[in-house]
């Protein structure tokens, strides 16, 4: 189960194959794992995306 502080190494090993390159469309992610941690942080905290911690990278508001 994901927690607000990040996905475990074991869980990342299970889902990491699901992420593919964006083939030049949109803004490239810094890290797929960091992006997923940010998604879980928003879902688990109930906070708005604009209130995300800066550790997840820049958030276009």
PDB file of N, CA and C in Angstrom:
ATOM      1  N   UNK A   1       0.844  -1.186   0.000  1.00  0.00           N
ATOM      2  CA  UNK A   1       0.000   0.000   0.000  1.00  0.00           C
ATOM      3  C   UNK A   1       0.876   1.233   0.000  1.00  0.00           C
ATOM      4  N   UNK A   2       0.566   2.175  -0.841  1.00  0.00           N
ATOM      5  CA  UNK A   2       1.332   3.420  -0.919  1.00  0.00           C
ATOM      6  C   UNK A   2       1.014   4.296   0.278  1.00  0.00           C
ATOM      7  N   UNK A   3       2.019   4.965   0.750  1.00  0.00           N
ATOM      8  CA  UNK A   3       1.837   5.912   1.847  1.00  0.00           C
ATOM      9  C   UNK A   3       2.165   7.294   1.319  1.00  0.00           C
ATOM     10  N   UNK A   4       1.868   8.303   2.106  1.00  0.00           N
ATOM     11  CA  UNK A   4       2.105   9.665   1.645  1.00  0.00           C
ATOM     12  C   UNK A   4       3.589   9.957   1.454  1.00  0.00           C
ATOM     13  N   UNK A   5       4.461   9.179   2.070  1.00  0.00           N
ATOM     14  CA  UNK A   5       5.893   9.457   1.943  1.00  0.00           C
ATOM     15  C   UNK A   5       6.543   8.720   0.777  1.00  0.00           C
ATOM     16  N   UNK A   6       5.802   7.960   0.017  1.00  0.00           N
ATOM     17  CA  UNK A   6       6.357   7.343  -1.186  1.00  0.00           C
ATOM     18  C   UNK A   6       6.044   5.866  -1.290  1.00  0.00           C
ATOM     19  N   UNK A   7       6.203   5.380  -2.489  1.00  0.00           N
ATOM     20  CA  UNK A   7       5.936   3.975  -2.790  1.00  0.00           C
ATOM     21  C   UNK A   7       7.161   3.146  -2.377  1.00  0.00           C
ATOM     22  N   UNK A   8       6.928   1.972  -1.868  1.00  0.00           N
ATOM     23  CA  UNK A   8       8.038   1.122  -1.427  1.00  0.00           C
ATOM     24  C   UNK A   8       8.806   0.572  -2.629  1.00  0.00           C
ATOM     25  N   UNK A   9      10.029   0.146  -2.386  1.00  0.00           N
ATOM     26  CA  UNK A   9      10.843  -0.439  -3.454  1.00  0.00           C
ATOM     27  C   UNK A   9      10.174  -1.684  -4.031  1.00  0.00           C
ATOM     28  N   UNK A  10       9.569  -2.470  -3.164  1.00  0.00           N
ATOM     29  CA  UNK A  10       8.899  -3.693  -3.613  1.00  0.00           C
ATOM     30  C   UNK A  10       7.708  -3.365  -4.523  1.00  0.00           C
ATOM     31  N   UNK A  11       6.897  -2.394  -4.121  1.00  0.00           N
ATOM     32  CA  UNK A  11       5.738  -2.005  -4.933  1.00  0.00           C
ATOM     33  C   UNK A  11       6.187  -1.367  -6.245  1.00  0.00           C
ATOM     34  N   UNK A  12       7.256  -0.566  -6.204  1.00  0.00           N
ATOM     35  CA  UNK A  12       7.761   0.052  -7.430  1.00  0.00           C
ATOM     36  C   UNK A  12       8.235  -1.022  -8.408  1.00  0.00           C
ATOM     37  N   UNK A  13       8.859  -2.064  -7.895  1.00  0.00           N
ATOM     38  CA  UNK A  13       9.305  -3.164  -8.743  1.00  0.00           C
ATOM     39  C   UNK A  13       8.156  -3.838  -9.479  1.00  0.00           C
ATOM     40  N   UNK A  14       6.983  -3.847  -8.872  1.00  0.00           N
ATOM     41  CA  UNK A  14       5.810  -4.473  -9.482  1.00  0.00           C
ATOM     42  C   UNK A  14       5.223  -3.604 -10.595  1.00  0.00           C
ATOM     43  N   UNK A  15       5.200  -2.276 -10.407  1.00  0.00           N
ATOM     44  CA  UNK A  15       4.514  -1.397 -11.361  1.00  0.00           C
ATOM     45  C   UNK A  15       5.430  -0.657 -12.325  1.00  0.00           C
ATOM     46  N   UNK A  16       6.722  -0.681 -12.112  1.00  0.00           N
ATOM     47  CA  UNK A  16       7.640   0.143 -12.917  1.00  0.00           C
ATOM     48  C   UNK A  16       7.599  -0.182 -14.408  1.00  0.00           C
ATOM     49  N   UNK A  17       7.326  -1.425 -14.760  1.00  0.00           N
ATOM     50  CA  UNK A  17       7.281  -1.801 -16.173  1.00  0.00           C
ATOM     51  C   UNK A  17       6.122  -1.128 -16.912  1.00  0.00           C
ATOM     52  N   UNK A  18       5.132  -0.618 -16.180  1.00  0.00           N
ATOM     53  CA  UNK A  18       3.938  -0.017 -16.787  1.00  0.00           C
ATOM     54  C   UNK A  18       4.200   1.370 -17.381  1.00  0.00           C
ATOM     55  N   UNK A  19       5.310   1.981 -17.019  1.00  0.00           N
ATOM     56  CA  UNK A  19       5.599   3.345 -17.472  1.00  0.00           C
ATOM     57  C   UNK A  19       6.455   3.306 -18.726  1.00  0.00           C
ATOM     58  N   UNK A  20       6.034   4.062 -19.735  1.00  0.00           N
ATOM     59  CA  UNK A  20       6.757   4.130 -20.998  1.00  0.00           C
ATOM     60  C   UNK A  20       7.165   5.575 -21.260  1.00  0.00           C
ATOM     61  N   UNK A  21       8.079   5.769 -22.189  1.00  0.00           N
ATOM     62  CA  UNK A  21       8.480   7.120 -22.569  1.00  0.00           C
ATOM     63  C   UNK A  21       7.300   7.857 -23.163  1.00  0.00           C
ATOM     64  N   UNK A  22       7.336   9.190 -23.027  1.00  0.00           N
ATOM     65  CA  UNK A  22       6.226   9.983 -23.562  1.00  0.00           C
ATOM     66  C   UNK A  22       6.442  10.341 -25.032  1.00  0.00           C
ATOM     67  N   UNK A  23       7.520   9.883 -25.629  1.00  0.00           N
ATOM     68  CA  UNK A  23       7.803  10.076 -27.051  1.00  0.00           C
ATOM     69  C   UNK A  23       7.780  11.544 -27.466  1.00  0.00           C
ATOM     70  N   UNK A  24       8.260  12.406 -26.579  1.00  0.00           N
ATOM     71  CA  UNK A  24       8.398  13.817 -26.929  1.00  0.00           C
ATOM     72  C   UNK A  24       7.145  14.653 -26.772  1.00  0.00           C
ATOM     73  N   UNK A  25       6.059  14.064 -26.326  1.00  0.00           N
ATOM     74  CA  UNK A  25       4.834  14.837 -26.135  1.00  0.00           C
ATOM     75  C   UNK A  25       4.778  15.353 -24.707  1.00  0.00           C
ATOM     76  N   UNK A  26       4.411  16.615 -24.559  1.00  0.00           N
ATOM     77  CA  UNK A  26       4.263  17.198 -23.231  1.00  0.00           C
ATOM     78  C   UNK A  26       5.595  17.428 -22.553  1.00  0.00           C
ATOM     79  N   UNK A  27       5.527  17.833 -21.310  1.00  0.00           N
ATOM     80  CA  UNK A  27       6.734  18.092 -20.534  1.00  0.00           C
ATOM     81  C   UNK A  27       7.256  16.775 -19.965  1.00  0.00           C
ATOM     82  N   UNK A  28       8.542  16.502 -20.152  1.00  0.00           N
ATOM     83  CA  UNK A  28       9.075  15.230 -19.648  1.00  0.00           C
ATOM     84  C   UNK A  28       9.060  15.186 -18.116  1.00  0.00           C
ATOM     85  N   UNK A  29       8.797  14.016 -17.559  1.00  0.00           N
ATOM     86  CA  UNK A  29       8.811  13.842 -16.114  1.00  0.00           C
ATOM     87  C   UNK A  29      10.253  13.767 -15.631  1.00  0.00           C
ATOM     88  N   UNK A  30      10.474  14.227 -14.416  1.00  0.00           N
ATOM     89  CA  UNK A  30      11.796  14.079 -13.818  1.00  0.00           C
ATOM     90  C   UNK A  30      12.071  12.608 -13.535  1.00  0.00           C
ATOM     91  N   UNK A  31      11.049  11.939 -13.051  1.00  0.00           N
ATOM     92  CA  UNK A  31      11.167  10.530 -12.684  1.00  0.00           C
ATOM     93  C   UNK A  31       9.764   9.943 -12.629  1.00  0.00           C
ATOM     94  N   UNK A  32       9.584   8.766 -13.207  1.00  0.00           N
ATOM     95  CA  UNK A  32       8.281   8.113 -13.148  1.00  0.00           C
ATOM     96  C   UNK A  32       7.896   7.798 -11.706  1.00  0.00           C
ATOM     97  N   UNK A  33       8.870   7.368 -10.929  1.00  0.00           N
ATOM     98  CA  UNK A  33       8.591   7.031  -9.530  1.00  0.00           C
ATOM     99  C   UNK A  33       8.194   8.267  -8.736  1.00  0.00           C
ATOM    100  N   UNK A  34       8.874   9.382  -8.964  1.00  0.00           N
ATOM    101  CA  UNK A  34       8.547  10.628  -8.282  1.00  0.00           C
ATOM    102  C   UNK A  34       7.145  11.101  -8.672  1.00  0.00           C
ATOM    103  N   UNK A  35       6.792  10.961  -9.947  1.00  0.00           N
ATOM    104  CA  UNK A  35       5.460  11.336 -10.414  1.00  0.00           C
ATOM    105  C   UNK A  35       4.403  10.488  -9.716  1.00  0.00           C
ATOM    106  N   UNK A  36       4.632   9.181  -9.620  1.00  0.00           N
ATOM    107  CA  UNK A  36       3.678   8.300  -8.965  1.00  0.00           C
ATOM    108  C   UNK A  36       3.573   8.618  -7.473  1.00  0.00           C
ATOM    109  N   UNK A  37       4.697   8.913  -6.834  1.00  0.00           N
ATOM    110  CA  UNK A  37       4.668   9.326  -5.429  1.00  0.00           C
ATOM    111  C   UNK A  37       3.821  10.584  -5.256  1.00  0.00           C
ATOM    112  N   UNK A  38       3.926  11.526  -6.192  1.00  0.00           N
ATOM    113  CA  UNK A  38       3.120  12.743  -6.134  1.00  0.00           C
ATOM    114  C   UNK A  38       1.636  12.464  -6.279  1.00  0.00           C
ATOM    115  N   UNK A  39       1.289  11.562  -7.165  1.00  0.00           N
ATOM    116  CA  UNK A  39      -0.122  11.173  -7.342  1.00  0.00           C
ATOM    117  C   UNK A  39      -0.652  10.558  -6.054  1.00  0.00           C
ATOM    118  N   UNK A  40       0.117   9.645  -5.469  1.00  0.00           N
ATOM    119  CA  UNK A  40      -0.317   9.020  -4.216  1.00  0.00           C
ATOM    120  C   UNK A  40      -0.417  10.048  -3.087  1.00  0.00           C
ATOM    121  N   UNK A  41       0.506  11.010  -3.062  1.00  0.00           N
ATOM    122  CA  UNK A  41       0.471  12.039  -2.019  1.00  0.00           C
ATOM    123  C   UNK A  41      -0.835  12.817  -2.090  1.00  0.00           C
ATOM    124  N   UNK A  42      -1.237  13.216  -3.289  1.00  0.00           N
ATOM    125  CA  UNK A  42      -2.482  13.965  -3.456  1.00  0.00           C
ATOM    126  C   UNK A  42      -3.681  13.094  -3.064  1.00  0.00           C
ATOM    127  N   UNK A  43      -3.706  11.852  -3.531  1.00  0.00           N
ATOM    128  CA  UNK A  43      -4.837  10.963  -3.234  1.00  0.00           C
ATOM    129  C   UNK A  43      -4.946  10.646  -1.744  1.00  0.00           C
ATOM    130  N   UNK A  44      -3.821  10.388  -1.098  1.00  0.00           N
ATOM    131  CA  UNK A  44      -3.851  10.004   0.310  1.00  0.00           C
ATOM    132  C   UNK A  44      -4.048  11.186   1.248  1.00  0.00           C
ATOM    133  N   UNK A  45      -3.580  12.357   0.864  1.00  0.00           N
ATOM    134  CA  UNK A  45      -3.690  13.522   1.749  1.00  0.00           C
ATOM    135  C   UNK A  45      -5.005  14.262   1.565  1.00  0.00           C
ATOM    136  N   UNK A  46      -5.593  14.151   0.378  1.00  0.00           N
ATOM    137  CA  UNK A  46      -6.810  14.902   0.096  1.00  0.00           C
ATOM    138  C   UNK A  46      -6.531  16.345  -0.250  1.00  0.00           C
ATOM    139  N   UNK A  47      -5.268  16.717  -0.325  1.00  0.00           N
ATOM    140  CA  UNK A  47      -4.893  18.093  -0.641  1.00  0.00           C
ATOM    141  C   UNK A  47      -5.025  18.350  -2.140  1.00  0.00           C
ATOM    142  N   UNK A  48      -5.134  19.607  -2.494  1.00  0.00           N
ATOM    143  CA  UNK A  48      -5.171  19.996  -3.901  1.00  0.00           C
ATOM    144  C   UNK A  48      -3.778  19.852  -4.498  1.00  0.00           C
ATOM    145  N   UNK A  49      -3.712  19.636  -5.791  1.00  0.00           N
ATOM    146  CA  UNK A  49      -2.431  19.476  -6.462  1.00  0.00           C
ATOM    147  C   UNK A  49      -1.540  20.704  -6.247  1.00  0.00           C
ATOM    148  N   UNK A  50      -2.143  21.875  -6.207  1.00  0.00           N
ATOM    149  CA  UNK A  50      -1.359  23.110  -6.037  1.00  0.00           C
ATOM    150  C   UNK A  50      -0.703  23.195  -4.661  1.00  0.00           C
ATOM    151  N   UNK A  51      -1.144  22.377  -3.710  1.00  0.00           N
ATOM    152  CA  UNK A  51      -0.580  22.372  -2.362  1.00  0.00           C
ATOM    153  C   UNK A  51       0.497  21.311  -2.181  1.00  0.00           C
ATOM    154  N   UNK A  52       0.891  20.663  -3.266  1.00  0.00           N
ATOM    155  CA  UNK A  52       1.905  19.610  -3.189  1.00  0.00           C
ATOM    156  C   UNK A  52       3.238  20.151  -2.702  1.00  0.00           C
ATOM    157  N   UNK A  53       3.970  19.308  -2.024  1.00  0.00           N
ATOM    158  CA  UNK A  53       5.314  19.635  -1.586  1.00  0.00           C
ATOM    159  C   UNK A  53       6.210  19.847  -2.807  1.00  0.00           C
ATOM    160  N   UNK A  54       7.166  20.740  -2.689  1.00  0.00           N
ATOM    161  CA  UNK A  54       8.080  21.006  -3.802  1.00  0.00           C
ATOM    162  C   UNK A  54       9.015  19.835  -4.091  1.00  0.00           C
ATOM    163  N   UNK A  55       9.065  18.853  -3.202  1.00  0.00           N
ATOM    164  CA  UNK A  55       9.943  17.705  -3.458  1.00  0.00           C
ATOM    165  C   UNK A  55       9.473  16.886  -4.659  1.00  0.00           C
ATOM    166  N   UNK A  56       8.214  17.082  -5.086  1.00  0.00           N
ATOM    167  CA  UNK A  56       7.690  16.372  -6.238  1.00  0.00           C
ATOM    168  C   UNK A  56       7.967  17.113  -7.537  1.00  0.00           C
ATOM    169  N   UNK A  57       8.668  18.222  -7.473  1.00  0.00           N
ATOM    170  CA  UNK A  57       8.986  18.987  -8.678  1.00  0.00           C
ATOM    171  C   UNK A  57       8.023  20.142  -8.864  1.00  0.00           C
ATOM    172  N   UNK A  58       8.238  20.869  -9.951  1.00  0.00           N
ATOM    173  CA  UNK A  58       7.398  22.018 -10.236  1.00  0.00           C
ATOM    174  C   UNK A  58       6.006  21.575 -10.628  1.00  0.00           C
ATOM    175  N   UNK A  59       5.048  22.305 -10.167  1.00  0.00           N
ATOM    176  CA  UNK A  59       3.653  22.022 -10.485  1.00  0.00           C
ATOM    177  C   UNK A  59       3.090  23.241 -11.215  1.00  0.00           C
ATOM    178  N   UNK A  60       2.666  23.054 -12.437  1.00  0.00           N
ATOM    179  CA  UNK A  60       2.094  24.163 -13.181  1.00  0.00           C
ATOM    180  C   UNK A  60       0.712  24.458 -12.646  1.00  0.00           C
ATOM    181  N   UNK A  61       0.540  25.681 -12.205  1.00  0.00           N
ATOM    182  CA  UNK A  61      -0.729  26.069 -11.561  1.00  0.00           C
ATOM    183  C   UNK A  61      -1.625  26.785 -12.507  1.00  0.00           C
TER     184      UNK A  61
END
